[in-house]
Each structure stands twice: as C-alpha cells, then as structure tokens.
C-alpha cells in the first residue's frame, strides 16, 4: 500500500470517528439531570441569599456596619430615609441586572434576580431580629463578615451574584487599564469611607474589617479549604519522579511532550494536580530524585473529572 493510500485510509477513519462524535454531541442531555441541576442551583442560591440576609440584618445593620458595593449604598440609604433595606437592595440592583443580561447572559441575570429577591425577602423578615445588642460593632463586623462572605460565595458558585458592582467593574475594565479587582476595590473604598458620614468614623473602620473578612470568606467558599494546585515538573529523571509521586503521594501523573526554547531539545514534562496540603510532600519527593528539577506550582479554582481521587499517602 502506498503512502498516499495509507493517508487516505487514515483520513477516512478520522472522518468516521469525527462523524460518530458529532452524532454523539447532538444527543440531547438527560432532562432529569437538567432539572436536578436546576434545583441544586436554586437551593444553593436560596441558602446563600438567606445567609447574606442573616449577616446583614442580624449582625451588620443593627451595629451601623455596612458592606461594600450596592449593598453598602442600600444600607446607608435605608438609614437615611427609614425605608426597609430590601427595597433599596432590589431597586438599586435592577439596572445592573439589565446590564448583566445583555453582557453576560440570561442564566446569570435570572440567577442574580432570584438571589436578590430571596435576600430582600430575608432582610424584611429579619428586620426586627438581632443576635447582638446594638453597640457591639466589632463582633457584628466579624461574624457578619463571615456569614455574609459564605452566602455571597455560595451564590457566585451557583452562577449568580448579589451585587451589581462586579458587573460595572467588568465593563469599565474593558475600556481602562485597570483590572476588575482594582476597580471594585476603589469603588468599595469610596463607599466604605462614606459610611463615616452616616454612621460615624469608627463604624466606617469596622465596615472595612467586615468587608475584608467577607472577601476572604468568599474566596474560601468558592475555592474551598482544600485548594487544589497544578504542578509542572521538568527533569531528566521524569519517570522516577512520576512513579514516586504515584506511589508515595497517591496521585496520578501525566507526561507531556515539551521542547526547550533555547536548546531545542525534547523534554518530558510531568503534570499533576495536588492539594495545598500535599505541596511540601511533593517538593520533598522531587528533591530526593533531582535537586535541580524545574518545578512550577499554580493555584486551581476547580477540578472535575479525570482521576483526581487519590490513594493513601505514605
């Protein structure tokens, strides 16, 4: 068989496989799984929005402590006018919902709207409930920040949001040299500083404490306590290191083909995903086999599929 005929045969085989994959991709998703995921997402948003309502009405608002973003503006507006907090949370977020619908998508906008409605109802139901006696702003800032951060994190993990500030920051960052995080930080510093004129300057400082704690809890809720890390290792002893990682760390490894940019030499690259608690152990294993190995470690927000489940460490 000639080389040309072999390539034609291989091409036809690839075409057949591609055709089969196309047929498979057109198979509709299981409606039961879709409904199940929808209920799971809705339940997570309800829990997250309810926790935010608890953090606001039971811990922050009674002690004159605010959060950043639209929520902080709503708290100050409620204090000044005397109208319920839930009204401002809904009205002030509506313009951002429309922007989110156009720029991000319908699912995000509907998830956000659902979360805001639940949060607003929760603040109305909890308006006259307080776990702390007014005048304990430090405790209110700490516990309110923790609860509020967990609640917001759950909603974000479910594909929604409870504050429109991030949407504006995304749009502004596209036309300016500032990142989304820098824009959100600048806006919130201005809002938290404004709390000093409404609740007094000590409470503005407590608000900054609550905001910082909430941001940390959002990160922990989204990424998880057991944060995953991706690791790339380049070494001449790649096979020994890979076997040791599988044997002693209980992690599966993948060997990738690489090429040195300076030398042009072919190299093997080990790729493995671990938890942050296993980082020291991995470095120790690599050090034992090759003290001069190149090791690059990065954070991963989410890991799904594959063989991430591990065996026991020894």
C-alpha atoms as a PDB file:
ATOM      1  CA  UNK A   1       0.000   0.000   0.000  1.00  0.00           C
ATOM      2  CA  UNK A   2       1.407   3.395  -0.981  1.00  0.00           C
ATOM      3  CA  UNK A   3       1.949   6.226   1.472  1.00  0.00           C
ATOM      4  CA  UNK A   4      -0.846   8.213  -0.211  1.00  0.00           C
ATOM      5  CA  UNK A   5      -3.343   5.363   0.084  1.00  0.00           C
ATOM      6  CA  UNK A   6      -2.415   4.900   3.737  1.00  0.00           C
ATOM      7  CA  UNK A   7      -3.023   8.597   4.429  1.00  0.00           C
ATOM      8  CA  UNK A   8      -6.354   8.443   2.624  1.00  0.00           C
ATOM      9  CA  UNK A   9      -7.352   5.438   4.716  1.00  0.00           C
ATOM     10  CA  UNK A  10      -6.308   7.229   7.937  1.00  0.00           C
ATOM     11  CA  UNK A  11      -8.225  10.323   6.869  1.00  0.00           C
ATOM     12  CA  UNK A  12     -11.348   8.284   6.224  1.00  0.00           C
ATOM     13  CA  UNK A  13     -11.007   6.646   9.637  1.00  0.00           C
ATOM     14  CA  UNK A  14     -10.682  10.063  11.300  1.00  0.00           C
ATOM     15  CA  UNK A  15     -13.707  11.286   9.346  1.00  0.00           C
ATOM     16  CA  UNK A  16     -15.712   8.285  10.503  1.00  0.00           C
ATOM     17  CA  UNK A  17     -14.736   8.881  14.120  1.00  0.00           C
ATOM     18  CA  UNK A  18     -15.473  12.608  13.814  1.00  0.00           C
ATOM     19  CA  UNK A  19     -18.855  11.806  12.364  1.00  0.00           C
ATOM     20  CA  UNK A  20     -19.650   9.479  15.230  1.00  0.00           C
ATOM     21  CA  UNK A  21     -18.542  12.111  17.750  1.00  0.00           C
ATOM     22  CA  UNK A  22     -20.768  14.665  16.008  1.00  0.00           C
ATOM     23  CA  UNK A  23     -23.714  12.304  16.287  1.00  0.00           C
ATOM     24  CA  UNK A  24     -22.978  11.747  19.966  1.00  0.00           C
ATOM     25  CA  UNK A  25     -22.687  15.502  20.621  1.00  0.00           C
ATOM     26  CA  UNK A  26     -26.139  16.014  19.102  1.00  0.00           C
ATOM     27  CA  UNK A  27     -27.760  13.611  21.536  1.00  0.00           C
ATOM     28  CA  UNK A  28     -29.913  15.763  23.875  1.00  0.00           C
ATOM     29  CA  UNK A  29     -28.952  15.948  27.540  1.00  0.00           C
ATOM     30  CA  UNK A  30     -30.923  13.911  30.019  1.00  0.00           C
ATOM     31  CA  UNK A  31     -33.846  16.163  31.079  1.00  0.00           C
ATOM     32  CA  UNK A  32     -33.839  14.600  34.548  1.00  0.00           C
ATOM     33  CA  UNK A  33     -30.229  15.660  35.090  1.00  0.00           C
ATOM     34  CA  UNK A  34     -31.040  19.155  33.820  1.00  0.00           C
ATOM     35  CA  UNK A  35     -33.944  19.520  36.253  1.00  0.00           C
ATOM     36  CA  UNK A  36     -31.795  18.133  39.075  1.00  0.00           C
ATOM     37  CA  UNK A  37     -29.023  20.662  38.397  1.00  0.00           C
ATOM     38  CA  UNK A  38     -31.585  23.451  38.224  1.00  0.00           C
ATOM     39  CA  UNK A  39     -32.995  22.548  41.652  1.00  0.00           C
ATOM     40  CA  UNK A  40     -29.499  22.205  43.104  1.00  0.00           C
ATOM     41  CA  UNK A  41     -28.557  25.647  41.787  1.00  0.00           C
ATOM     42  CA  UNK A  42     -31.788  27.199  43.089  1.00  0.00           C
ATOM     43  CA  UNK A  43     -31.308  25.606  46.511  1.00  0.00           C
ATOM     44  CA  UNK A  44     -27.727  26.876  46.717  1.00  0.00           C
ATOM     45  CA  UNK A  45     -28.806  30.391  45.771  1.00  0.00           C
ATOM     46  CA  UNK A  46     -31.585  30.326  48.397  1.00  0.00           C
ATOM     47  CA  UNK A  47     -29.129  29.247  51.106  1.00  0.00           C
ATOM     48  CA  UNK A  48     -26.534  31.835  50.031  1.00  0.00           C
ATOM     49  CA  UNK A  49     -29.042  34.697  49.807  1.00  0.00           C
ATOM     50  CA  UNK A  50     -30.567  33.732  53.171  1.00  0.00           C
ATOM     51  CA  UNK A  51     -27.120  33.743  54.797  1.00  0.00           C
ATOM     52  CA  UNK A  52     -26.427  37.197  53.401  1.00  0.00           C
ATOM     53  CA  UNK A  53     -29.751  38.429  54.819  1.00  0.00           C
ATOM     54  CA  UNK A  54     -28.757  36.995  58.205  1.00  0.00           C
ATOM     55  CA  UNK A  55     -25.337  38.638  58.074  1.00  0.00           C
ATOM     56  CA  UNK A  56     -26.880  41.998  57.183  1.00  0.00           C
ATOM     57  CA  UNK A  57     -29.947  42.258  59.410  1.00  0.00           C
ATOM     58  CA  UNK A  58     -28.756  40.325  62.447  1.00  0.00           C
ATOM     59  CA  UNK A  59     -25.111  41.402  62.666  1.00  0.00           C
ATOM     60  CA  UNK A  60     -24.133  44.354  60.459  1.00  0.00           C
ATOM     61  CA  UNK A  61     -27.091  46.757  60.197  1.00  0.00           C
ATOM     62  CA  UNK A  62     -28.006  46.819  63.935  1.00  0.00           C
ATOM     63  CA  UNK A  63     -24.436  47.898  64.700  1.00  0.00           C
ATOM     64  CA  UNK A  64     -24.085  50.513  61.979  1.00  0.00           C
ATOM     65  CA  UNK A  65     -21.648  48.391  59.956  1.00  0.00           C
ATOM     66  CA  UNK A  66     -22.009  48.202  56.182  1.00  0.00           C
ATOM     67  CA  UNK A  67     -20.758  46.049  53.334  1.00  0.00           C
ATOM     68  CA  UNK A  68     -19.278  47.275  50.063  1.00  0.00           C
ATOM     69  CA  UNK A  69     -20.943  47.753  46.691  1.00  0.00           C
ATOM     70  CA  UNK A  70     -24.660  48.243  46.117  1.00  0.00           C
ATOM     71  CA  UNK A  71     -25.363  46.569  49.468  1.00  0.00           C
ATOM     72  CA  UNK A  72     -23.426  49.259  51.320  1.00  0.00           C
ATOM     73  CA  UNK A  73     -25.219  52.026  49.449  1.00  0.00           C
ATOM     74  CA  UNK A  74     -28.557  50.353  50.228  1.00  0.00           C
ATOM     75  CA  UNK A  75     -27.761  50.179  53.951  1.00  0.00           C
ATOM     76  CA  UNK A  76     -26.896  53.884  54.059  1.00  0.00           C
ATOM     77  CA  UNK A  77     -29.985  54.807  52.012  1.00  0.00           C
ATOM     78  CA  UNK A  78     -32.163  52.778  54.368  1.00  0.00           C
ATOM     79  CA  UNK A  79     -30.622  54.516  57.374  1.00  0.00           C
ATOM     80  CA  UNK A  80     -31.124  57.987  55.913  1.00  0.00           C
ATOM     81  CA  UNK A  81     -34.672  57.514  54.596  1.00  0.00           C
ATOM     82  CA  UNK A  82     -36.045  54.991  57.091  1.00  0.00           C
ATOM     83  CA  UNK A  83     -37.361  52.726  54.320  1.00  0.00           C
ATOM     84  CA  UNK A  84     -36.750  48.938  54.524  1.00  0.00           C
ATOM     85  CA  UNK A  85     -33.378  47.701  53.323  1.00  0.00           C
ATOM     86  CA  UNK A  86     -34.905  45.153  50.941  1.00  0.00           C
ATOM     87  CA  UNK A  87     -36.482  47.882  48.809  1.00  0.00           C
ATOM     88  CA  UNK A  88     -33.128  49.513  48.059  1.00  0.00           C
ATOM     89  CA  UNK A  89     -31.392  46.164  47.531  1.00  0.00           C
ATOM     90  CA  UNK A  90     -33.896  45.347  44.785  1.00  0.00           C
ATOM     91  CA  UNK A  91     -34.259  48.765  43.147  1.00  0.00           C
ATOM     92  CA  UNK A  92     -30.552  49.669  43.057  1.00  0.00           C
ATOM     93  CA  UNK A  93     -29.584  46.277  41.599  1.00  0.00           C
ATOM     94  CA  UNK A  94     -32.170  46.334  38.786  1.00  0.00           C
ATOM     95  CA  UNK A  95     -30.079  48.458  36.366  1.00  0.00           C
ATOM     96  CA  UNK A  96     -27.122  46.131  36.846  1.00  0.00           C
ATOM     97  CA  UNK A  97     -29.364  43.131  36.191  1.00  0.00           C
ATOM     98  CA  UNK A  98     -30.270  44.571  32.798  1.00  0.00           C
ATOM     99  CA  UNK A  99     -26.586  45.165  32.032  1.00  0.00           C
ATOM    100  CA  UNK A 100     -25.747  41.615  33.162  1.00  0.00           C
ATOM    101  CA  UNK A 101     -28.487  40.208  30.959  1.00  0.00           C
ATOM    102  CA  UNK A 102     -27.073  41.915  27.875  1.00  0.00           C
ATOM    103  CA  UNK A 103     -23.376  41.432  28.593  1.00  0.00           C
ATOM    104  CA  UNK A 104     -23.155  38.091  30.425  1.00  0.00           C
ATOM    105  CA  UNK A 105     -26.336  36.156  29.652  1.00  0.00           C
ATOM    106  CA  UNK A 106     -29.844  35.203  30.636  1.00  0.00           C
ATOM    107  CA  UNK A 107     -28.871  32.454  33.084  1.00  0.00           C
ATOM    108  CA  UNK A 108     -26.648  34.811  35.068  1.00  0.00           C
ATOM    109  CA  UNK A 109     -29.292  37.545  35.130  1.00  0.00           C
ATOM    110  CA  UNK A 110     -32.087  35.204  36.241  1.00  0.00           C
ATOM    111  CA  UNK A 111     -29.897  33.603  38.915  1.00  0.00           C
ATOM    112  CA  UNK A 112     -28.921  37.047  40.191  1.00  0.00           C
ATOM    113  CA  UNK A 113     -32.527  38.284  40.186  1.00  0.00           C
ATOM    114  CA  UNK A 114     -33.663  35.195  42.098  1.00  0.00           C
ATOM    115  CA  UNK A 115     -30.907  35.641  44.673  1.00  0.00           C
ATOM    116  CA  UNK A 116     -31.655  39.342  45.178  1.00  0.00           C
ATOM    117  CA  UNK A 117     -35.374  38.668  45.639  1.00  0.00           C
ATOM    118  CA  UNK A 118     -34.672  35.972  48.241  1.00  0.00           C
ATOM    119  CA  UNK A 119     -32.175  38.239  50.005  1.00  0.00           C
ATOM    120  CA  UNK A 120     -34.637  41.157  50.045  1.00  0.00           C
ATOM    121  CA  UNK A 121     -37.414  38.981  51.478  1.00  0.00           C
ATOM    122  CA  UNK A 122     -34.972  37.657  54.081  1.00  0.00           C
ATOM    123  CA  UNK A 123     -33.978  41.135  55.215  1.00  0.00           C
ATOM    124  CA  UNK A 124     -37.660  42.071  55.574  1.00  0.00           C
ATOM    125  CA  UNK A 125     -38.388  39.001  57.715  1.00  0.00           C
ATOM    126  CA  UNK A 126     -35.308  39.523  59.893  1.00  0.00           C
ATOM    127  CA  UNK A 127     -35.563  43.302  60.216  1.00  0.00           C
ATOM    128  CA  UNK A 128     -36.527  43.275  63.906  1.00  0.00           C
ATOM    129  CA  UNK A 129     -34.277  40.340  64.868  1.00  0.00           C
ATOM    130  CA  UNK A 130     -30.814  40.876  66.305  1.00  0.00           C
ATOM    131  CA  UNK A 131     -28.332  38.360  67.712  1.00  0.00           C
ATOM    132  CA  UNK A 132     -26.247  41.135  69.225  1.00  0.00           C
ATOM    133  CA  UNK A 133     -27.088  44.133  71.334  1.00  0.00           C
ATOM    134  CA  UNK A 134     -26.565  47.320  69.272  1.00  0.00           C
ATOM    135  CA  UNK A 135     -23.243  48.833  70.319  1.00  0.00           C
ATOM    136  CA  UNK A 136     -21.073  45.766  69.611  1.00  0.00           C
ATOM    137  CA  UNK A 137     -19.766  46.712  66.147  1.00  0.00           C
ATOM    138  CA  UNK A 138     -16.580  44.643  66.344  1.00  0.00           C
ATOM    139  CA  UNK A 139     -18.439  41.372  66.945  1.00  0.00           C
ATOM    140  CA  UNK A 140     -21.007  42.402  64.367  1.00  0.00           C
ATOM    141  CA  UNK A 141     -18.283  43.091  61.807  1.00  0.00           C
ATOM    142  CA  UNK A 142     -16.517  39.778  62.429  1.00  0.00           C
ATOM    143  CA  UNK A 143     -19.497  37.414  62.472  1.00  0.00           C
ATOM    144  CA  UNK A 144     -21.456  39.425  59.926  1.00  0.00           C
ATOM    145  CA  UNK A 145     -18.488  39.404  57.545  1.00  0.00           C
ATOM    146  CA  UNK A 146     -18.049  35.640  57.888  1.00  0.00           C
ATOM    147  CA  UNK A 147     -21.717  34.798  57.309  1.00  0.00           C
ATOM    148  CA  UNK A 148     -22.130  37.326  54.520  1.00  0.00           C
ATOM    149  CA  UNK A 149     -18.987  36.101  52.748  1.00  0.00           C
ATOM    150  CA  UNK A 150     -20.102  32.470  52.831  1.00  0.00           C
ATOM    151  CA  UNK A 151     -23.516  33.456  51.475  1.00  0.00           C
ATOM    152  CA  UNK A 152     -22.117  35.501  48.588  1.00  0.00           C
ATOM    153  CA  UNK A 153     -19.623  32.735  47.787  1.00  0.00           C
ATOM    154  CA  UNK A 154     -22.387  30.137  47.506  1.00  0.00           C
ATOM    155  CA  UNK A 155     -24.365  32.337  45.114  1.00  0.00           C
ATOM    156  CA  UNK A 156     -21.292  33.008  42.954  1.00  0.00           C
ATOM    157  CA  UNK A 157     -20.555  29.271  42.798  1.00  0.00           C
ATOM    158  CA  UNK A 158     -24.121  28.798  41.561  1.00  0.00           C
ATOM    159  CA  UNK A 159     -23.620  31.190  38.652  1.00  0.00           C
ATOM    160  CA  UNK A 160     -25.230  34.308  40.101  1.00  0.00           C
ATOM    161  CA  UNK A 161     -24.381  37.433  42.058  1.00  0.00           C
ATOM    162  CA  UNK A 162     -25.897  39.539  44.826  1.00  0.00           C
ATOM    163  CA  UNK A 163     -24.257  42.845  43.935  1.00  0.00           C
ATOM    164  CA  UNK A 164     -24.027  44.769  40.681  1.00  0.00           C
ATOM    165  CA  UNK A 165     -20.631  46.354  41.365  1.00  0.00           C
ATOM    166  CA  UNK A 166     -18.737  43.479  39.735  1.00  0.00           C
ATOM    167  CA  UNK A 167     -20.744  43.822  36.512  1.00  0.00           C
ATOM    168  CA  UNK A 168     -19.848  47.504  36.202  1.00  0.00           C
ATOM    169  CA  UNK A 169     -16.215  46.726  37.025  1.00  0.00           C
ATOM    170  CA  UNK A 170     -16.055  44.174  34.189  1.00  0.00           C
ATOM    171  CA  UNK A 171     -17.393  46.691  31.670  1.00  0.00           C
ATOM    172  CA  UNK A 172     -15.159  49.540  32.874  1.00  0.00           C
ATOM    173  CA  UNK A 173     -12.042  47.326  32.887  1.00  0.00           C
ATOM    174  CA  UNK A 174     -12.515  46.671  29.153  1.00  0.00           C
ATOM    175  CA  UNK A 175     -12.056  50.390  28.402  1.00  0.00           C
ATOM    176  CA  UNK A 176      -9.455  51.307  31.034  1.00  0.00           C
ATOM    177  CA  UNK A 177      -6.023  49.982  32.082  1.00  0.00           C
ATOM    178  CA  UNK A 178      -7.398  48.937  35.494  1.00  0.00           C
ATOM    179  CA  UNK A 179      -8.289  45.371  36.421  1.00  0.00           C
ATOM    180  CA  UNK A 180     -11.701  44.289  37.710  1.00  0.00           C
ATOM    181  CA  UNK A 181     -10.290  43.819  41.212  1.00  0.00           C
ATOM    182  CA  UNK A 182      -8.736  47.293  41.258  1.00  0.00           C
ATOM    183  CA  UNK A 183     -11.980  48.935  40.140  1.00  0.00           C
ATOM    184  CA  UNK A 184     -14.067  47.055  42.725  1.00  0.00           C
ATOM    185  CA  UNK A 185     -11.556  47.954  45.445  1.00  0.00           C
ATOM    186  CA  UNK A 186     -11.598  51.660  44.507  1.00  0.00           C
ATOM    187  CA  UNK A 187     -15.416  51.798  44.445  1.00  0.00           C
ATOM    188  CA  UNK A 188     -15.733  49.999  47.765  1.00  0.00           C
ATOM    189  CA  UNK A 189     -13.129  52.180  49.490  1.00  0.00           C
ATOM    190  CA  UNK A 190     -15.218  55.196  48.458  1.00  0.00           C
ATOM    191  CA  UNK A 191     -18.461  53.554  49.679  1.00  0.00           C
ATOM    192  CA  UNK A 192     -16.991  52.312  52.958  1.00  0.00           C
ATOM    193  CA  UNK A 193     -15.429  55.719  53.558  1.00  0.00           C
ATOM    194  CA  UNK A 194     -18.808  57.364  53.002  1.00  0.00           C
ATOM    195  CA  UNK A 195     -20.176  55.299  55.880  1.00  0.00           C
ATOM    196  CA  UNK A 196     -18.291  57.626  58.206  1.00  0.00           C
ATOM    197  CA  UNK A 197     -20.678  60.466  57.386  1.00  0.00           C
ATOM    198  CA  UNK A 198     -23.731  58.288  58.086  1.00  0.00           C
ATOM    199  CA  UNK A 199     -22.713  56.013  60.959  1.00  0.00           C
ATOM    200  CA  UNK A 200     -19.575  57.719  62.311  1.00  0.00           C
ATOM    201  CA  UNK A 201     -15.906  57.164  61.510  1.00  0.00           C
ATOM    202  CA  UNK A 202     -15.313  54.295  63.995  1.00  0.00           C
ATOM    203  CA  UNK A 203     -18.115  52.370  62.289  1.00  0.00           C
ATOM    204  CA  UNK A 204     -16.568  53.074  58.892  1.00  0.00           C
ATOM    205  CA  UNK A 205     -13.402  51.355  60.106  1.00  0.00           C
ATOM    206  CA  UNK A 206     -15.439  48.419  61.420  1.00  0.00           C
ATOM    207  CA  UNK A 207     -17.086  48.274  57.988  1.00  0.00           C
ATOM    208  CA  UNK A 208     -13.676  47.877  56.388  1.00  0.00           C
ATOM    209  CA  UNK A 209     -12.961  44.977  58.749  1.00  0.00           C
ATOM    210  CA  UNK A 210     -16.260  43.340  57.804  1.00  0.00           C
ATOM    211  CA  UNK A 211     -15.539  43.863  54.101  1.00  0.00           C
ATOM    212  CA  UNK A 212     -12.070  42.300  54.370  1.00  0.00           C
ATOM    213  CA  UNK A 213     -13.391  39.277  56.258  1.00  0.00           C
ATOM    214  CA  UNK A 214     -16.225  38.853  53.761  1.00  0.00           C
ATOM    215  CA  UNK A 215     -13.786  38.913  50.812  1.00  0.00           C
ATOM    216  CA  UNK A 216     -11.653  36.209  52.412  1.00  0.00           C
ATOM    217  CA  UNK A 217     -14.687  34.051  53.144  1.00  0.00           C
ATOM    218  CA  UNK A 218     -15.888  34.458  49.554  1.00  0.00           C
ATOM    219  CA  UNK A 219     -12.530  33.149  48.311  1.00  0.00           C
ATOM    220  CA  UNK A 220     -12.621  30.210  50.729  1.00  0.00           C
ATOM    221  CA  UNK A 221     -16.206  29.349  49.802  1.00  0.00           C
ATOM    222  CA  UNK A 222     -15.529  29.497  46.064  1.00  0.00           C
ATOM    223  CA  UNK A 223     -12.159  27.747  46.077  1.00  0.00           C
ATOM    224  CA  UNK A 224     -12.674  25.507  49.108  1.00  0.00           C
ATOM    225  CA  UNK A 225     -10.497  24.978  52.145  1.00  0.00           C
ATOM    226  CA  UNK A 226      -8.650  22.174  50.384  1.00  0.00           C
ATOM    227  CA  UNK A 227      -7.482  24.306  47.472  1.00  0.00           C
ATOM    228  CA  UNK A 228      -6.040  22.413  44.521  1.00  0.00           C
ATOM    229  CA  UNK A 229      -2.732  23.184  42.859  1.00  0.00           C
ATOM    230  CA  UNK A 230      -1.387  22.328  39.422  1.00  0.00           C
ATOM    231  CA  UNK A 231       2.258  21.298  39.207  1.00  0.00           C
ATOM    232  CA  UNK A 232       4.604  21.136  36.206  1.00  0.00           C
ATOM    233  CA  UNK A 233       7.955  19.356  36.662  1.00  0.00           C
ATOM    234  CA  UNK A 234      10.803  19.167  34.127  1.00  0.00           C
ATOM    235  CA  UNK A 235      13.574  16.703  34.903  1.00  0.00           C
ATOM    236  CA  UNK A 236      15.749  14.103  33.215  1.00  0.00           C
ATOM    237  CA  UNK A 237      14.504  11.676  35.858  1.00  0.00           C
ATOM    238  CA  UNK A 238      10.875  12.261  34.984  1.00  0.00           C
ATOM    239  CA  UNK A 239       9.968   8.582  35.068  1.00  0.00           C
ATOM    240  CA  UNK A 240      11.406   8.044  38.557  1.00  0.00           C
ATOM    241  CA  UNK A 241       9.742  11.212  39.877  1.00  0.00           C
ATOM    242  CA  UNK A 242       6.406  10.311  38.274  1.00  0.00           C
ATOM    243  CA  UNK A 243       6.448   6.799  39.729  1.00  0.00           C
ATOM    244  CA  UNK A 244       7.378   8.198  43.159  1.00  0.00           C
ATOM    245  CA  UNK A 245       4.524  10.717  43.060  1.00  0.00           C
ATOM    246  CA  UNK A 246       2.065   7.979  42.161  1.00  0.00           C
ATOM    247  CA  UNK A 247       3.449   5.566  44.742  1.00  0.00           C
ATOM    248  CA  UNK A 248       4.122   7.870  47.703  1.00  0.00           C
ATOM    249  CA  UNK A 249       1.664  10.734  47.118  1.00  0.00           C
ATOM    250  CA  UNK A 250      -1.142   8.655  45.646  1.00  0.00           C
ATOM    251  CA  UNK A 251      -1.631  10.984  42.679  1.00  0.00           C
ATOM    252  CA  UNK A 252      -1.876  10.075  39.018  1.00  0.00           C
ATOM    253  CA  UNK A 253       0.560  11.940  36.752  1.00  0.00           C
ATOM    254  CA  UNK A 254       0.536  12.870  33.061  1.00  0.00           C
ATOM    255  CA  UNK A 255       3.652  13.035  30.877  1.00  0.00           C
ATOM    256  CA  UNK A 256       3.605  15.876  28.343  1.00  0.00           C
ATOM    257  CA  UNK A 257       5.933  16.437  25.392  1.00  0.00           C
ATOM    258  CA  UNK A 258       7.985  19.617  25.581  1.00  0.00           C
ATOM    259  CA  UNK A 259      10.826  21.323  23.759  1.00  0.00           C
ATOM    260  CA  UNK A 260      13.479  23.578  25.200  1.00  0.00           C
ATOM    261  CA  UNK A 261      13.170  27.061  23.710  1.00  0.00           C
ATOM    262  CA  UNK A 262      16.922  27.727  23.971  1.00  0.00           C
ATOM    263  CA  UNK A 263      18.401  24.308  23.206  1.00  0.00           C
ATOM    264  CA  UNK A 264      15.619  22.872  21.056  1.00  0.00           C
ATOM    265  CA  UNK A 265      15.978  19.573  22.921  1.00  0.00           C
ATOM    266  CA  UNK A 266      12.968  17.354  23.502  1.00  0.00           C
ATOM    267  CA  UNK A 267      11.861  17.204  27.131  1.00  0.00           C
ATOM    268  CA  UNK A 268       9.269  15.364  29.174  1.00  0.00           C
ATOM    269  CA  UNK A 269       7.043  17.462  31.418  1.00  0.00           C
ATOM    270  CA  UNK A 270       5.250  15.923  34.397  1.00  0.00           C
ATOM    271  CA  UNK A 271       1.808  17.362  35.110  1.00  0.00           C
ATOM    272  CA  UNK A 272      -0.003  16.550  38.347  1.00  0.00           C
ATOM    273  CA  UNK A 273      -2.808  18.085  40.443  1.00  0.00           C
ATOM    274  CA  UNK A 274      -2.467  18.078  44.226  1.00  0.00           C
ATOM    275  CA  UNK A 275      -3.958  19.827  47.250  1.00  0.00           C
ATOM    276  CA  UNK A 276      -2.064  22.585  49.025  1.00  0.00           C
ATOM    277  CA  UNK A 277      -1.529  20.261  51.993  1.00  0.00           C
ATOM    278  CA  UNK A 278       0.476  17.937  49.727  1.00  0.00           C
ATOM    279  CA  UNK A 279       2.755  20.628  48.326  1.00  0.00           C
ATOM    280  CA  UNK A 280       5.568  20.140  50.844  1.00  0.00           C
ATOM    281  CA  UNK A 281       5.473  16.365  50.341  1.00  0.00           C
ATOM    282  CA  UNK A 282       5.698  16.757  46.564  1.00  0.00           C
ATOM    283  CA  UNK A 283       8.689  19.094  46.816  1.00  0.00           C
ATOM    284  CA  UNK A 284      10.407  16.607  49.104  1.00  0.00           C
ATOM    285  CA  UNK A 285       9.854  13.758  46.626  1.00  0.00           C
ATOM    286  CA  UNK A 286      11.203  15.799  43.704  1.00  0.00           C
ATOM    287  CA  UNK A 287      14.183  16.933  45.769  1.00  0.00           C
ATOM    288  CA  UNK A 288      15.058  13.316  46.603  1.00  0.00           C
ATOM    289  CA  UNK A 289      15.295  12.340  42.931  1.00  0.00           C
ATOM    290  CA  UNK A 290      16.535  15.535  41.277  1.00  0.00           C
ATOM    291  CA  UNK A 291      17.557  18.600  43.337  1.00  0.00           C
ATOM    292  CA  UNK A 292      17.916  20.620  40.105  1.00  0.00           C
ATOM    293  CA  UNK A 293      14.490  19.798  38.668  1.00  0.00           C
ATOM    294  CA  UNK A 294      12.349  22.686  37.418  1.00  0.00           C
ATOM    295  CA  UNK A 295       9.090  22.880  39.417  1.00  0.00           C
ATOM    296  CA  UNK A 296       6.241  25.335  38.742  1.00  0.00           C
ATOM    297  CA  UNK A 297       3.178  25.382  41.014  1.00  0.00           C
ATOM    298  CA  UNK A 298      -0.060  27.292  40.425  1.00  0.00           C
ATOM    299  CA  UNK A 299      -3.460  27.586  42.088  1.00  0.00           C
ATOM    300  CA  UNK A 300      -6.554  25.947  40.597  1.00  0.00           C
ATOM    301  CA  UNK A 301     -10.079  27.106  41.497  1.00  0.00           C
ATOM    302  CA  UNK A 302     -11.885  23.963  40.418  1.00  0.00           C
ATOM    303  CA  UNK A 303     -11.093  20.366  39.459  1.00  0.00           C
ATOM    304  CA  UNK A 304     -13.545  17.982  37.838  1.00  0.00           C
ATOM    305  CA  UNK A 305     -13.397  14.609  36.135  1.00  0.00           C
ATOM    306  CA  UNK A 306     -10.333  12.541  35.415  1.00  0.00           C
ATOM    307  CA  UNK A 307      -8.684  10.613  38.204  1.00  0.00           C
ATOM    308  CA  UNK A 308      -8.243  13.331  40.775  1.00  0.00           C
ATOM    309  CA  UNK A 309      -9.259  10.936  43.549  1.00  0.00           C
ATOM    310  CA  UNK A 310      -6.165   9.811  45.328  1.00  0.00           C
ATOM    311  CA  UNK A 311      -4.836   6.778  47.087  1.00  0.00           C
ATOM    312  CA  UNK A 312      -3.340   6.946  50.567  1.00  0.00           C
ATOM    313  CA  UNK A 313      -0.123   8.862  51.261  1.00  0.00           C
ATOM    314  CA  UNK A 314       2.824   7.028  52.717  1.00  0.00           C
END
